[in-house]
Amino acid sequence: AKNYGREVKGYIVASGMTLTSTVALLSEKYGWSNCMQNLSGKLSRGT
């Protein structure tokens, strides 16, 4: 599960985006919390 989180982070970086910009777009389109730490934690824990 943690490896999957690292993989997703890799796709974010390969797309030329940051976690912050990704969270901003997720918040705008899907109503996610705009707190970058929430996404970062989910990816780090693999949850």
ModelCIF file with pLDDT and N, C-alpha, C, O atoms, coordinates in Angstrom:
data_MODEL
#
_entry.id   MODEL 
#
_entity.id                         1 
_entity.type                       polymer 
_entity.pdbx_number_of_molecules   1 
#
_entity_poly.entity_id                      1 
_entity_poly.type                           'polypeptide(L)' 
_entity_poly.nstd_linkage                   no 
_entity_poly.nstd_monomer                   no 
_entity_poly.pdbx_seq_one_letter_code       AKNYGREVKGYIVASGMTLTSTVALLSEKYGWSNCMQNLSGKLSRGT 
_entity_poly.pdbx_seq_one_letter_code_can   AKNYGREVKGYIVASGMTLTSTVALLSEKYGWSNCMQNLSGKLSRGT 
_entity_poly.pdbx_strand_id                 A 
#
loop_
_entity_poly_seq.entity_id 
_entity_poly_seq.num 
_entity_poly_seq.mon_id 
_entity_poly_seq.hetero 
1 1  ALA n 
1 2  LYS n 
1 3  ASN n 
1 4  TYR n 
1 5  GLY n 
1 6  ARG n 
1 7  GLU n 
1 8  VAL n 
1 9  LYS n 
1 10 GLY n 
1 11 TYR n 
1 12 ILE n 
1 13 VAL n 
1 14 ALA n 
1 15 SER n 
1 16 GLY n 
1 17 MET n 
1 18 THR n 
1 19 LEU n 
1 20 THR n 
1 21 SER n 
1 22 THR n 
1 23 VAL n 
1 24 ALA n 
1 25 LEU n 
1 26 LEU n 
1 27 SER n 
1 28 GLU n 
1 29 LYS n 
1 30 TYR n 
1 31 GLY n 
1 32 TRP n 
1 33 SER n 
1 34 ASN n 
1 35 CYS n 
1 36 MET n 
1 37 GLN n 
1 38 ASN n 
1 39 LEU n 
1 40 SER n 
1 41 GLY n 
1 42 LYS n 
1 43 LEU n 
1 44 SER n 
1 45 ARG n 
1 46 GLY n 
1 47 THR n 
#
_struct_asym.id          A 
_struct_asym.entity_id   1 
#
loop_
_ma_qa_metric.id 
_ma_qa_metric.mode 
_ma_qa_metric.name 
_ma_qa_metric.software_group_id 
_ma_qa_metric.type 
1 global pLDDT . pLDDT 
2 local  pLDDT . pLDDT 
#
_ma_qa_metric_global.metric_id      1 
_ma_qa_metric_global.metric_value   94.17 
_ma_qa_metric_global.model_id       1 
_ma_qa_metric_global.ordinal_id     1 
#
loop_
_ma_qa_metric_local.label_asym_id 
_ma_qa_metric_local.label_comp_id 
_ma_qa_metric_local.label_seq_id 
_ma_qa_metric_local.metric_id 
_ma_qa_metric_local.metric_value 
_ma_qa_metric_local.model_id 
_ma_qa_metric_local.ordinal_id 
A ALA 1  2 81.00 1 1  
A LYS 2  2 84.00 1 2  
A ASN 3  2 91.00 1 3  
A TYR 4  2 92.00 1 4  
A GLY 5  2 92.00 1 5  
A ARG 6  2 93.00 1 6  
A GLU 7  2 94.00 1 7  
A VAL 8  2 95.00 1 8  
A LYS 9  2 95.00 1 9  
A GLY 10 2 96.00 1 10 
A TYR 11 2 96.00 1 11 
A ILE 12 2 97.00 1 12 
A VAL 13 2 96.00 1 13 
A ALA 14 2 96.00 1 14 
A SER 15 2 96.00 1 15 
A GLY 16 2 97.00 1 16 
A MET 17 2 97.00 1 17 
A THR 18 2 96.00 1 18 
A LEU 19 2 95.00 1 19 
A THR 20 2 95.00 1 20 
A SER 21 2 97.00 1 21 
A THR 22 2 97.00 1 22 
A VAL 23 2 97.00 1 23 
A ALA 24 2 97.00 1 24 
A LEU 25 2 97.00 1 25 
A LEU 26 2 97.00 1 26 
A SER 27 2 97.00 1 27 
A GLU 28 2 97.00 1 28 
A LYS 29 2 97.00 1 29 
A TYR 30 2 97.00 1 30 
A GLY 31 2 96.00 1 31 
A TRP 32 2 95.00 1 32 
A SER 33 2 93.00 1 33 
A ASN 34 2 93.00 1 34 
A CYS 35 2 93.00 1 35 
A MET 36 2 92.00 1 36 
A GLN 37 2 94.00 1 37 
A ASN 38 2 94.00 1 38 
A LEU 39 2 94.00 1 39 
A SER 40 2 94.00 1 40 
A GLY 41 2 94.00 1 41 
A LYS 42 2 93.00 1 42 
A LEU 43 2 93.00 1 43 
A SER 44 2 92.00 1 44 
A ARG 45 2 92.00 1 45 
A GLY 46 2 89.00 1 46 
A THR 47 2 91.00 1 47 
#
loop_
_atom_site.group_PDB 
_atom_site.id 
_atom_site.type_symbol 
_atom_site.label_atom_id 
_atom_site.label_alt_id 
_atom_site.label_comp_id 
_atom_site.label_asym_id 
_atom_site.label_entity_id 
_atom_site.label_seq_id 
_atom_site.pdbx_PDB_ins_code 
_atom_site.Cartn_x 
_atom_site.Cartn_y 
_atom_site.Cartn_z 
_atom_site.occupancy 
_atom_site.B_iso_or_equiv 
_atom_site.pdbx_formal_charge 
_atom_site.auth_seq_id 
_atom_site.auth_comp_id 
_atom_site.auth_asym_id 
_atom_site.auth_atom_id 
_atom_site.pdbx_PDB_model_num 
ATOM 1   N N  . ALA A 1 1  ? 0.835   -1.202 0.000   1.00 81.00 ? 1  ALA A N  1 
ATOM 2   C CA . ALA A 1 1  ? 0.000   0.000  0.000   1.00 81.00 ? 1  ALA A CA 1 
ATOM 3   C C  . ALA A 1 1  ? 0.869   1.252  0.000   1.00 81.00 ? 1  ALA A C  1 
ATOM 4   O O  . ALA A 1 1  ? 0.564   2.209  -0.711  1.00 81.00 ? 1  ALA A O  1 
ATOM 5   N N  . LYS A 1 2  ? 1.937   1.263  0.776   1.00 84.00 ? 2  LYS A N  1 
ATOM 6   C CA . LYS A 1 2  ? 2.832   2.424  0.804   1.00 84.00 ? 2  LYS A CA 1 
ATOM 7   C C  . LYS A 1 2  ? 3.522   2.606  -0.547  1.00 84.00 ? 2  LYS A C  1 
ATOM 8   O O  . LYS A 1 2  ? 3.740   3.734  -0.990  1.00 84.00 ? 2  LYS A O  1 
ATOM 9   N N  . ASN A 1 3  ? 3.862   1.498  -1.198  1.00 91.00 ? 3  ASN A N  1 
ATOM 10  C CA . ASN A 1 3  ? 4.473   1.591  -2.532  1.00 91.00 ? 3  ASN A CA 1 
ATOM 11  C C  . ASN A 1 3  ? 3.508   2.212  -3.537  1.00 91.00 ? 3  ASN A C  1 
ATOM 12  O O  . ASN A 1 3  ? 3.932   2.946  -4.430  1.00 91.00 ? 3  ASN A O  1 
ATOM 13  N N  . TYR A 1 4  ? 2.221   1.926  -3.399  1.00 92.00 ? 4  TYR A N  1 
ATOM 14  C CA . TYR A 1 4  ? 1.230   2.522  -4.297  1.00 92.00 ? 4  TYR A CA 1 
ATOM 15  C C  . TYR A 1 4  ? 1.189   4.033  -4.104  1.00 92.00 ? 4  TYR A C  1 
ATOM 16  O O  . TYR A 1 4  ? 1.055   4.784  -5.071  1.00 92.00 ? 4  TYR A O  1 
ATOM 17  N N  . GLY A 1 5  ? 1.303   4.473  -2.865  1.00 92.00 ? 5  GLY A N  1 
ATOM 18  C CA . GLY A 1 5  ? 1.341   5.907  -2.593  1.00 92.00 ? 5  GLY A CA 1 
ATOM 19  C C  . GLY A 1 5  ? 2.545   6.564  -3.234  1.00 92.00 ? 5  GLY A C  1 
ATOM 20  O O  . GLY A 1 5  ? 2.443   7.660  -3.785  1.00 92.00 ? 5  GLY A O  1 
ATOM 21  N N  . ARG A 1 6  ? 3.704   5.886  -3.161  1.00 93.00 ? 6  ARG A N  1 
ATOM 22  C CA . ARG A 1 6  ? 4.903   6.415  -3.813  1.00 93.00 ? 6  ARG A CA 1 
ATOM 23  C C  . ARG A 1 6  ? 4.729   6.471  -5.325  1.00 93.00 ? 6  ARG A C  1 
ATOM 24  O O  . ARG A 1 6  ? 5.197   7.402  -5.980  1.00 93.00 ? 6  ARG A O  1 
ATOM 25  N N  . GLU A 1 7  ? 4.057   5.473  -5.866  1.00 94.00 ? 7  GLU A N  1 
ATOM 26  C CA . GLU A 1 7  ? 3.806   5.440  -7.309  1.00 94.00 ? 7  GLU A CA 1 
ATOM 27  C C  . GLU A 1 7  ? 2.938   6.624  -7.735  1.00 94.00 ? 7  GLU A C  1 
ATOM 28  O O  . GLU A 1 7  ? 3.220   7.280  -8.737  1.00 94.00 ? 7  GLU A O  1 
ATOM 29  N N  . VAL A 1 8  ? 1.886   6.890  -6.967  1.00 95.00 ? 8  VAL A N  1 
ATOM 30  C CA . VAL A 1 8  ? 1.007   8.018  -7.283  1.00 95.00 ? 8  VAL A CA 1 
ATOM 31  C C  . VAL A 1 8  ? 1.789   9.329  -7.193  1.00 95.00 ? 8  VAL A C  1 
ATOM 32  O O  . VAL A 1 8  ? 1.640   10.197 -8.053  1.00 95.00 ? 8  VAL A O  1 
ATOM 33  N N  . LYS A 1 9  ? 2.621   9.478  -6.158  1.00 95.00 ? 9  LYS A N  1 
ATOM 34  C CA . LYS A 1 9  ? 3.456   10.682 -6.048  1.00 95.00 ? 9  LYS A CA 1 
ATOM 35  C C  . LYS A 1 9  ? 4.349   10.825 -7.279  1.00 95.00 ? 9  LYS A C  1 
ATOM 36  O O  . LYS A 1 9  ? 4.551   11.933 -7.776  1.00 95.00 ? 9  LYS A O  1 
ATOM 37  N N  . GLY A 1 10 ? 4.877   9.716  -7.765  1.00 96.00 ? 10 GLY A N  1 
ATOM 38  C CA . GLY A 1 10 ? 5.707   9.743  -8.965  1.00 96.00 ? 10 GLY A CA 1 
ATOM 39  C C  . GLY A 1 10 ? 4.949   10.245 -10.177 1.00 96.00 ? 10 GLY A C  1 
ATOM 40  O O  . GLY A 1 10 ? 5.488   11.010 -10.975 1.00 96.00 ? 10 GLY A O  1 
ATOM 41  N N  . TYR A 1 11 ? 3.692   9.818  -10.324 1.00 96.00 ? 11 TYR A N  1 
ATOM 42  C CA . TYR A 1 11 ? 2.874   10.292 -11.437 1.00 96.00 ? 11 TYR A CA 1 
ATOM 43  C C  . TYR A 1 11 ? 2.593   11.785 -11.317 1.00 96.00 ? 11 TYR A C  1 
ATOM 44  O O  . TYR A 1 11 ? 2.554   12.498 -12.320 1.00 96.00 ? 11 TYR A O  1 
ATOM 45  N N  . ILE A 1 12 ? 2.398   12.254 -10.089 1.00 97.00 ? 12 ILE A N  1 
ATOM 46  C CA . ILE A 1 12 ? 2.167   13.684 -9.876  1.00 97.00 ? 12 ILE A CA 1 
ATOM 47  C C  . ILE A 1 12 ? 3.387   14.477 -10.338 1.00 97.00 ? 12 ILE A C  1 
ATOM 48  O O  . ILE A 1 12 ? 3.257   15.455 -11.073 1.00 97.00 ? 12 ILE A O  1 
ATOM 49  N N  . VAL A 1 13 ? 4.563   14.052 -9.905  1.00 96.00 ? 13 VAL A N  1 
ATOM 50  C CA . VAL A 1 13 ? 5.804   14.734 -10.281 1.00 96.00 ? 13 VAL A CA 1 
ATOM 51  C C  . VAL A 1 13 ? 6.042   14.636 -11.782 1.00 96.00 ? 13 VAL A C  1 
ATOM 52  O O  . VAL A 1 13 ? 6.411   15.626 -12.414 1.00 96.00 ? 13 VAL A O  1 
ATOM 53  N N  . ALA A 1 14 ? 5.833   13.446 -12.366 1.00 96.00 ? 14 ALA A N  1 
ATOM 54  C CA . ALA A 1 14 ? 6.041   13.256 -13.805 1.00 96.00 ? 14 ALA A CA 1 
ATOM 55  C C  . ALA A 1 14 ? 5.103   14.129 -14.631 1.00 96.00 ? 14 ALA A C  1 
ATOM 56  O O  . ALA A 1 14 ? 5.411   14.471 -15.773 1.00 96.00 ? 14 ALA A O  1 
ATOM 57  N N  . SER A 1 15 ? 3.966   14.485 -14.057 1.00 96.00 ? 15 SER A N  1 
ATOM 58  C CA . SER A 1 15 ? 3.011   15.348 -14.758 1.00 96.00 ? 15 SER A CA 1 
ATOM 59  C C  . SER A 1 15 ? 3.382   16.819 -14.634 1.00 96.00 ? 15 SER A C  1 
ATOM 60  O O  . SER A 1 15 ? 2.703   17.685 -15.185 1.00 96.00 ? 15 SER A O  1 
ATOM 61  N N  . GLY A 1 16 ? 4.466   17.098 -13.907 1.00 97.00 ? 16 GLY A N  1 
ATOM 62  C CA . GLY A 1 16 ? 4.905   18.476 -13.744 1.00 97.00 ? 16 GLY A CA 1 
ATOM 63  C C  . GLY A 1 16 ? 4.101   19.244 -12.716 1.00 97.00 ? 16 GLY A C  1 
ATOM 64  O O  . GLY A 1 16 ? 4.082   20.475 -12.727 1.00 97.00 ? 16 GLY A O  1 
ATOM 65  N N  . MET A 1 17 ? 3.438   18.521 -11.826 1.00 97.00 ? 17 MET A N  1 
ATOM 66  C CA . MET A 1 17 ? 2.615   19.161 -10.805 1.00 97.00 ? 17 MET A CA 1 
ATOM 67  C C  . MET A 1 17 ? 3.224   18.937 -9.428  1.00 97.00 ? 17 MET A C  1 
ATOM 68  O O  . MET A 1 17 ? 4.112   18.103 -9.250  1.00 97.00 ? 17 MET A O  1 
ATOM 69  N N  . THR A 1 18 ? 2.733   19.690 -8.471  1.00 96.00 ? 18 THR A N  1 
ATOM 70  C CA . THR A 1 18 ? 3.106   19.504 -7.074  1.00 96.00 ? 18 THR A CA 1 
ATOM 71  C C  . THR A 1 18 ? 1.901   18.950 -6.327  1.00 96.00 ? 18 THR A C  1 
ATOM 72  O O  . THR A 1 18 ? 0.784   18.961 -6.843  1.00 96.00 ? 18 THR A O  1 
ATOM 73  N N  . LEU A 1 19 ? 2.130   18.469 -5.121  1.00 95.00 ? 19 LEU A N  1 
ATOM 74  C CA . LEU A 1 19 ? 0.994   18.019 -4.307  1.00 95.00 ? 19 LEU A CA 1 
ATOM 75  C C  . LEU A 1 19 ? 0.031   19.180 -4.069  1.00 95.00 ? 19 LEU A C  1 
ATOM 76  O O  . LEU A 1 19 ? -1.186  18.995 -4.083  1.00 95.00 ? 19 LEU A O  1 
ATOM 77  N N  . THR A 1 20 ? 0.570   20.357 -3.853  1.00 95.00 ? 20 THR A N  1 
ATOM 78  C CA . THR A 1 20 ? -0.274  21.526 -3.591  1.00 95.00 ? 20 THR A CA 1 
ATOM 79  C C  . THR A 1 20 ? -1.169  21.852 -4.783  1.00 95.00 ? 20 THR A C  1 
ATOM 80  O O  . THR A 1 20 ? -2.364  22.094 -4.615  1.00 95.00 ? 20 THR A O  1 
ATOM 81  N N  . SER A 1 21 ? -0.600  21.859 -5.978  1.00 97.00 ? 21 SER A N  1 
ATOM 82  C CA . SER A 1 21 ? -1.422  22.163 -7.153  1.00 97.00 ? 21 SER A CA 1 
ATOM 83  C C  . SER A 1 21 ? -2.422  21.041 -7.439  1.00 97.00 ? 21 SER A C  1 
ATOM 84  O O  . SER A 1 21 ? -3.534  21.299 -7.899  1.00 97.00 ? 21 SER A O  1 
ATOM 85  N N  . THR A 1 22 ? -2.027  19.810 -7.168  1.00 97.00 ? 22 THR A N  1 
ATOM 86  C CA . THR A 1 22 ? -2.940  18.678 -7.352  1.00 97.00 ? 22 THR A CA 1 
ATOM 87  C C  . THR A 1 22 ? -4.121  18.785 -6.401  1.00 97.00 ? 22 THR A C  1 
ATOM 88  O O  . THR A 1 22 ? -5.267  18.582 -6.801  1.00 97.00 ? 22 THR A O  1 
ATOM 89  N N  . VAL A 1 23 ? -3.844  19.103 -5.143  1.00 97.00 ? 23 VAL A N  1 
ATOM 90  C CA . VAL A 1 23 ? -4.916  19.255 -4.145  1.00 97.00 ? 23 VAL A CA 1 
ATOM 91  C C  . VAL A 1 23 ? -5.847  20.401 -4.523  1.00 97.00 ? 23 VAL A C  1 
ATOM 92  O O  . VAL A 1 23 ? -7.062  20.295 -4.359  1.00 97.00 ? 23 VAL A O  1 
ATOM 93  N N  . ALA A 1 24 ? -5.284  21.493 -5.027  1.00 97.00 ? 24 ALA A N  1 
ATOM 94  C CA . ALA A 1 24 ? -6.125  22.632 -5.434  1.00 97.00 ? 24 ALA A CA 1 
ATOM 95  C C  . ALA A 1 24 ? -7.102  22.217 -6.530  1.00 97.00 ? 24 ALA A C  1 
ATOM 96  O O  . ALA A 1 24 ? -8.275  22.588 -6.487  1.00 97.00 ? 24 ALA A O  1 
ATOM 97  N N  . LEU A 1 25 ? -6.629  21.454 -7.508  1.00 97.00 ? 25 LEU A N  1 
ATOM 98  C CA . LEU A 1 25 ? -7.506  20.996 -8.590  1.00 97.00 ? 25 LEU A CA 1 
ATOM 99  C C  . LEU A 1 25 ? -8.524  19.970 -8.095  1.00 97.00 ? 25 LEU A C  1 
ATOM 100 O O  . LEU A 1 25 ? -9.680  19.987 -8.518  1.00 97.00 ? 25 LEU A O  1 
ATOM 101 N N  . LEU A 1 26 ? -8.095  19.073 -7.196  1.00 97.00 ? 26 LEU A N  1 
ATOM 102 C CA . LEU A 1 26 ? -9.023  18.094 -6.626  1.00 97.00 ? 26 LEU A CA 1 
ATOM 103 C C  . LEU A 1 26 ? -10.107 18.785 -5.809  1.00 97.00 ? 26 LEU A C  1 
ATOM 104 O O  . LEU A 1 26 ? -11.268 18.376 -5.833  1.00 97.00 ? 26 LEU A O  1 
ATOM 105 N N  . SER A 1 27 ? -9.730  19.818 -5.097  1.00 97.00 ? 27 SER A N  1 
ATOM 106 C CA . SER A 1 27 ? -10.687 20.586 -4.304  1.00 97.00 ? 27 SER A CA 1 
ATOM 107 C C  . SER A 1 27 ? -11.710 21.266 -5.199  1.00 97.00 ? 27 SER A C  1 
ATOM 108 O O  . SER A 1 27 ? -12.910 21.246 -4.923  1.00 97.00 ? 27 SER A O  1 
ATOM 109 N N  . GLU A 1 28 ? -11.220 21.866 -6.270  1.00 97.00 ? 28 GLU A N  1 
ATOM 110 C CA . GLU A 1 28 ? -12.087 22.588 -7.201  1.00 97.00 ? 28 GLU A CA 1 
ATOM 111 C C  . GLU A 1 28 ? -13.054 21.656 -7.934  1.00 97.00 ? 28 GLU A C  1 
ATOM 112 O O  . GLU A 1 28 ? -14.245 21.946 -8.040  1.00 97.00 ? 28 GLU A O  1 
ATOM 113 N N  . LYS A 1 29 ? -12.527 20.522 -8.443  1.00 97.00 ? 29 LYS A N  1 
ATOM 114 C CA . LYS A 1 29 ? -13.350 19.642 -9.278  1.00 97.00 ? 29 LYS A CA 1 
ATOM 115 C C  . LYS A 1 29 ? -14.170 18.636 -8.476  1.00 97.00 ? 29 LYS A C  1 
ATOM 116 O O  . LYS A 1 29 ? -15.309 18.339 -8.837  1.00 97.00 ? 29 LYS A O  1 
ATOM 117 N N  . TYR A 1 30 ? -13.599 18.108 -7.384  1.00 97.00 ? 30 TYR A N  1 
ATOM 118 C CA . TYR A 1 30 ? -14.253 17.012 -6.665  1.00 97.00 ? 30 TYR A CA 1 
ATOM 119 C C  . TYR A 1 30 ? -14.633 17.340 -5.224  1.00 97.00 ? 30 TYR A C  1 
ATOM 120 O O  . TYR A 1 30 ? -15.183 16.494 -4.519  1.00 97.00 ? 30 TYR A O  1 
ATOM 121 N N  . GLY A 1 31 ? -14.345 18.559 -4.784  1.00 96.00 ? 31 GLY A N  1 
ATOM 122 C CA . GLY A 1 31 ? -14.736 18.957 -3.433  1.00 96.00 ? 31 GLY A CA 1 
ATOM 123 C C  . GLY A 1 31 ? -13.840 18.420 -2.329  1.00 96.00 ? 31 GLY A C  1 
ATOM 124 O O  . GLY A 1 31 ? -14.252 18.359 -1.171  1.00 96.00 ? 31 GLY A O  1 
ATOM 125 N N  . TRP A 1 32 ? -12.621 18.031 -2.676  1.00 95.00 ? 32 TRP A N  1 
ATOM 126 C CA . TRP A 1 32 ? -11.673 17.567 -1.663  1.00 95.00 ? 32 TRP A CA 1 
ATOM 127 C C  . TRP A 1 32 ? -11.325 18.728 -0.739  1.00 95.00 ? 32 TRP A C  1 
ATOM 128 O O  . TRP A 1 32 ? -11.487 19.895 -1.094  1.00 95.00 ? 32 TRP A O  1 
ATOM 129 N N  . SER A 1 33 ? -10.842 18.383 0.454   1.00 93.00 ? 33 SER A N  1 
ATOM 130 C CA . SER A 1 33 ? -10.274 19.377 1.352   1.00 93.00 ? 33 SER A CA 1 
ATOM 131 C C  . SER A 1 33 ? -9.066  19.987 0.651   1.00 93.00 ? 33 SER A C  1 
ATOM 132 O O  . SER A 1 33 ? -8.323  19.278 -0.028  1.00 93.00 ? 33 SER A O  1 
ATOM 133 N N  . ASN A 1 34 ? -8.862  21.284 0.804   1.00 93.00 ? 34 ASN A N  1 
ATOM 134 C CA . ASN A 1 34 ? -7.724  21.907 0.138   1.00 93.00 ? 34 ASN A CA 1 
ATOM 135 C C  . ASN A 1 34 ? -6.461  21.882 1.017   1.00 93.00 ? 34 ASN A C  1 
ATOM 136 O O  . ASN A 1 34 ? -5.547  22.684 0.825   1.00 93.00 ? 34 ASN A O  1 
ATOM 137 N N  . CYS A 1 35 ? -6.426  20.972 1.960   1.00 93.00 ? 35 CYS A N  1 
ATOM 138 C CA . CYS A 1 35 ? -5.274  20.807 2.851   1.00 93.00 ? 35 CYS A CA 1 
ATOM 139 C C  . CYS A 1 35 ? -4.315  19.775 2.252   1.00 93.00 ? 35 CYS A C  1 
ATOM 140 O O  . CYS A 1 35 ? -4.633  18.587 2.184   1.00 93.00 ? 35 CYS A O  1 
ATOM 141 N N  . MET A 1 36 ? -3.154  20.231 1.826   1.00 92.00 ? 36 MET A N  1 
ATOM 142 C CA . MET A 1 36 ? -2.180  19.356 1.175   1.00 92.00 ? 36 MET A CA 1 
ATOM 143 C C  . MET A 1 36 ? -1.742  18.211 2.087   1.00 92.00 ? 36 MET A C  1 
ATOM 144 O O  . MET A 1 36 ? -1.443  17.118 1.606   1.00 92.00 ? 36 MET A O  1 
ATOM 145 N N  . GLN A 1 37 ? -1.704  18.456 3.407   1.00 94.00 ? 37 GLN A N  1 
ATOM 146 C CA . GLN A 1 37 ? -1.271  17.421 4.346   1.00 94.00 ? 37 GLN A CA 1 
ATOM 147 C C  . GLN A 1 37 ? -2.197  16.210 4.328   1.00 94.00 ? 37 GLN A C  1 
ATOM 148 O O  . GLN A 1 37 ? -1.747  15.093 4.584   1.00 94.00 ? 37 GLN A O  1 
ATOM 149 N N  . ASN A 1 38 ? -3.481  16.407 4.031   1.00 94.00 ? 38 ASN A N  1 
ATOM 150 C CA . ASN A 1 38 ? -4.404  15.266 3.971   1.00 94.00 ? 38 ASN A CA 1 
ATOM 151 C C  . ASN A 1 38 ? -4.016  14.308 2.847   1.00 94.00 ? 38 ASN A C  1 
ATOM 152 O O  . ASN A 1 38 ? -3.961  13.096 3.056   1.00 94.00 ? 38 ASN A O  1 
ATOM 153 N N  . LEU A 1 39 ? -3.746  14.843 1.660   1.00 94.00 ? 39 LEU A N  1 
ATOM 154 C CA . LEU A 1 39 ? -3.332  13.992 0.535   1.00 94.00 ? 39 LEU A CA 1 
ATOM 155 C C  . LEU A 1 39 ? -1.964  13.384 0.804   1.00 94.00 ? 39 LEU A C  1 
ATOM 156 O O  . LEU A 1 39 ? -1.754  12.194 0.568   1.00 94.00 ? 39 LEU A O  1 
ATOM 157 N N  . SER A 1 40 ? -1.053  14.177 1.287   1.00 94.00 ? 40 SER A N  1 
ATOM 158 C CA . SER A 1 40 ? 0.288   13.685 1.575   1.00 94.00 ? 40 SER A CA 1 
ATOM 159 C C  . SER A 1 40 ? 0.248   12.529 2.577   1.00 94.00 ? 40 SER A C  1 
ATOM 160 O O  . SER A 1 40 ? 0.949   11.531 2.407   1.00 94.00 ? 40 SER A O  1 
ATOM 161 N N  . GLY A 1 41 ? -0.570  12.667 3.615   1.00 94.00 ? 41 GLY A N  1 
ATOM 162 C CA . GLY A 1 41 ? -0.705  11.611 4.619   1.00 94.00 ? 41 GLY A CA 1 
ATOM 163 C C  . GLY A 1 41 ? -1.294  10.341 4.039   1.00 94.00 ? 41 GLY A C  1 
ATOM 164 O O  . GLY A 1 41 ? -0.815  9.243  4.320   1.00 94.00 ? 41 GLY A O  1 
ATOM 165 N N  . LYS A 1 42 ? -2.339  10.489 3.226   1.00 93.00 ? 42 LYS A N  1 
ATOM 166 C CA . LYS A 1 42 ? -2.959  9.317  2.596   1.00 93.00 ? 42 LYS A CA 1 
ATOM 167 C C  . LYS A 1 42 ? -1.956  8.568  1.729   1.00 93.00 ? 42 LYS A C  1 
ATOM 168 O O  . LYS A 1 42 ? -1.902  7.338  1.755   1.00 93.00 ? 42 LYS A O  1 
ATOM 169 N N  . LEU A 1 43 ? -1.164  9.309  0.962   1.00 93.00 ? 43 LEU A N  1 
ATOM 170 C CA . LEU A 1 43 ? -0.191  8.675  0.080   1.00 93.00 ? 43 LEU A CA 1 
ATOM 171 C C  . LEU A 1 43 ? 0.948   8.040  0.882   1.00 93.00 ? 43 LEU A C  1 
ATOM 172 O O  . LEU A 1 43 ? 1.411   6.951  0.542   1.00 93.00 ? 43 LEU A O  1 
ATOM 173 N N  . SER A 1 44 ? 1.395   8.703  1.930   1.00 92.00 ? 44 SER A N  1 
ATOM 174 C CA . SER A 1 44 ? 2.487   8.162  2.753   1.00 92.00 ? 44 SER A CA 1 
ATOM 175 C C  . SER A 1 44 ? 2.069   6.895  3.488   1.00 92.00 ? 44 SER A C  1 
ATOM 176 O O  . SER A 1 44 ? 2.846   5.948  3.609   1.00 92.00 ? 44 SER A O  1 
ATOM 177 N N  . ARG A 1 45 ? 0.831   6.888  3.977   1.00 92.00 ? 45 ARG A N  1 
ATOM 178 C CA . ARG A 1 45 ? 0.329   5.714  4.705   1.00 92.00 ? 45 ARG A CA 1 
ATOM 179 C C  . ARG A 1 45 ? -0.196  4.635  3.766   1.00 92.00 ? 45 ARG A C  1 
ATOM 180 O O  . ARG A 1 45 ? -0.331  3.475  4.157   1.00 92.00 ? 45 ARG A O  1 
ATOM 181 N N  . GLY A 1 46 ? -0.490  5.019  2.530   1.00 89.00 ? 46 GLY A N  1 
ATOM 182 C CA . GLY A 1 46 ? -1.086  4.067  1.596   1.00 89.00 ? 46 GLY A CA 1 
ATOM 183 C C  . GLY A 1 46 ? -2.537  3.788  1.924   1.00 89.00 ? 46 GLY A C  1 
ATOM 184 O O  . GLY A 1 46 ? -3.026  2.676  1.725   1.00 89.00 ? 46 GLY A O  1 
ATOM 185 N N  . THR A 1 47 ? -3.235  4.816  2.435   1.00 91.00 ? 47 THR A N  1 
ATOM 186 C CA . THR A 1 47 ? -4.630  4.625  2.858   1.00 91.00 ? 47 THR A CA 1 
ATOM 187 C C  . THR A 1 47 ? -5.634  5.320  1.938   1.00 91.00 ? 47 THR A C  1 
ATOM 188 O O  . THR A 1 47 ? -6.840  5.245  2.172   1.00 91.00 ? 47 THR A O  1 
#
